[in-house]
Amino acid sequence: GGIRTGLDAAKALALGAELVGIGRPLLAKAAEGLDSLLEFLETVIVELSIAMFLVGARSTRELTQKRLVILGQTREWFEGLGYHLPQLSRSRAEGKPSFLDE
């Protein structure tokens, strides 16, 4: 669990987190040495940047303004907590997702 990658950070921010922290993986890399730590941090930043690019967000704040598509076990977990999530379907003609609850 927890935030371990840039993608994890992007997901948390998109779901409404104002701040994310990477504790254990960061400390483990720091124990391995400065080069390992810097490589880890660079990877996290690249992963976060890629996630932002793919959803069209120019800043981490914009991640919260993008439409969420939640599927699988994560969707089941949210629904178990009582959240109502819109149903997602694919338009055959357009080949892109549409939301049935809109």
Protein backbone atom coordinates (compact mmCIF):
# COMPACT_ATOMS: atom_id res chain seq x y z
CA GLY A 1 0.00 0.00 0.00
CA GLY A 2 0.85 3.64 0.04
CA ILE A 3 2.47 5.89 -2.53
CA ARG A 4 5.41 4.14 -4.19
CA THR A 5 5.47 5.50 -7.75
CA GLY A 6 4.70 8.61 -9.74
CA LEU A 7 1.55 6.90 -11.01
CA ASP A 8 0.44 6.25 -7.42
CA ALA A 9 1.00 9.95 -6.71
CA ALA A 10 -1.00 10.98 -9.80
CA LYS A 11 -3.91 8.71 -8.80
CA ALA A 12 -3.96 10.07 -5.25
CA LEU A 13 -3.91 13.66 -6.48
CA ALA A 14 -6.65 12.94 -9.03
CA LEU A 15 -8.80 11.49 -6.25
CA GLY A 16 -8.46 14.70 -4.25
CA ALA A 17 -5.26 14.47 -2.19
CA GLU A 18 -3.59 17.84 -1.70
CA LEU A 19 -0.25 16.29 -0.81
CA VAL A 20 1.40 12.91 -1.28
CA GLY A 21 4.39 11.50 0.52
CA ILE A 22 6.72 8.69 -0.40
CA GLY A 23 8.25 7.45 2.84
CA ARG A 24 9.50 3.89 2.91
CA PRO A 25 10.73 3.59 -0.71
CA LEU A 26 12.52 6.94 -0.37
CA LEU A 27 14.27 5.89 2.83
CA ALA A 28 15.26 2.52 1.33
CA LYS A 29 16.88 4.25 -1.66
CA ALA A 30 18.58 6.79 0.61
CA ALA A 31 20.11 3.90 2.56
CA GLU A 32 21.55 2.56 -0.71
CA GLY A 33 23.27 5.84 -1.45
CA LEU A 34 22.84 9.22 -3.08
CA ASP A 35 22.94 7.90 -6.67
CA SER A 36 20.18 5.39 -5.93
CA LEU A 37 18.08 8.06 -4.24
CA LEU A 38 18.46 10.53 -7.11
CA GLU A 39 17.60 7.83 -9.67
CA PHE A 40 14.47 6.92 -7.70
CA LEU A 41 13.35 10.54 -7.45
CA GLU A 42 13.92 11.10 -11.16
CA THR A 43 11.85 8.01 -11.96
CA VAL A 44 8.97 9.20 -9.76
CA ILE A 45 9.02 12.63 -11.40
CA VAL A 46 9.05 11.10 -14.90
CA GLU A 47 6.16 8.74 -14.03
CA LEU A 48 4.11 11.62 -12.62
CA SER A 49 4.88 13.76 -15.67
CA ILE A 50 3.82 10.97 -18.05
CA ALA A 51 0.54 10.44 -16.16
CA MET A 52 -0.16 14.17 -16.29
CA PHE A 53 0.62 14.30 -20.02
CA LEU A 54 -1.66 11.36 -20.77
CA VAL A 55 -4.67 13.04 -19.13
CA GLY A 56 -3.86 16.51 -20.43
CA ALA A 57 -3.00 18.07 -17.07
CA ARG A 58 -0.45 20.88 -17.11
CA SER A 59 -0.17 20.95 -13.31
CA THR A 60 -0.85 18.59 -10.44
CA ARG A 61 -3.81 20.78 -9.47
CA GLU A 62 -5.40 20.08 -12.88
CA LEU A 63 -5.40 16.35 -12.09
CA THR A 64 -8.38 16.90 -9.77
CA GLN A 65 -10.34 18.51 -12.62
CA LYS A 66 -10.06 15.54 -14.99
CA ARG A 67 -12.77 12.91 -15.38
CA LEU A 68 -12.12 9.75 -13.37
CA VAL A 69 -12.50 6.27 -14.83
CA ILE A 70 -12.48 3.81 -11.95
CA LEU A 71 -12.72 0.10 -12.74
CA GLY A 72 -12.07 -3.32 -11.24
CA GLN A 73 -11.24 -3.83 -7.58
CA THR A 74 -10.82 -0.10 -7.00
CA ARG A 75 -14.35 0.51 -8.27
CA GLU A 76 -15.71 -2.27 -6.03
CA TRP A 77 -13.87 -0.78 -3.05
CA PHE A 78 -15.35 2.70 -3.67
CA GLU A 79 -18.85 1.28 -4.12
CA GLY A 80 -18.41 -0.72 -0.91
CA LEU A 81 -17.72 2.58 0.85
CA GLY A 82 -21.03 3.92 -0.49
CA TYR A 83 -19.79 6.08 -3.37
CA HIS A 84 -22.01 6.22 -6.45
CA LEU A 85 -19.87 5.96 -9.57
CA PRO A 86 -21.24 6.54 -13.09
CA GLN A 87 -21.48 3.53 -15.38
CA LEU A 88 -18.97 3.53 -18.22
CA SER A 89 -19.76 2.18 -21.66
CA ARG A 90 -18.02 2.25 -25.02
CA SER A 91 -19.66 3.80 -28.02
CA ARG A 92 -19.06 1.39 -30.91
CA ALA A 93 -19.36 4.14 -33.49
CA GLU A 94 -16.90 6.49 -31.83
CA GLY A 95 -14.73 3.93 -30.05
CA LYS A 96 -14.40 6.17 -27.02
CA PRO A 97 -15.82 5.91 -23.50
CA SER A 98 -19.08 7.61 -22.57
CA PHE A 99 -20.77 7.90 -19.20
CA LEU A 100 -24.29 6.52 -18.89
CA ASP A 101 -25.16 8.70 -15.87
CA GLU A 102 -24.57 11.97 -17.74
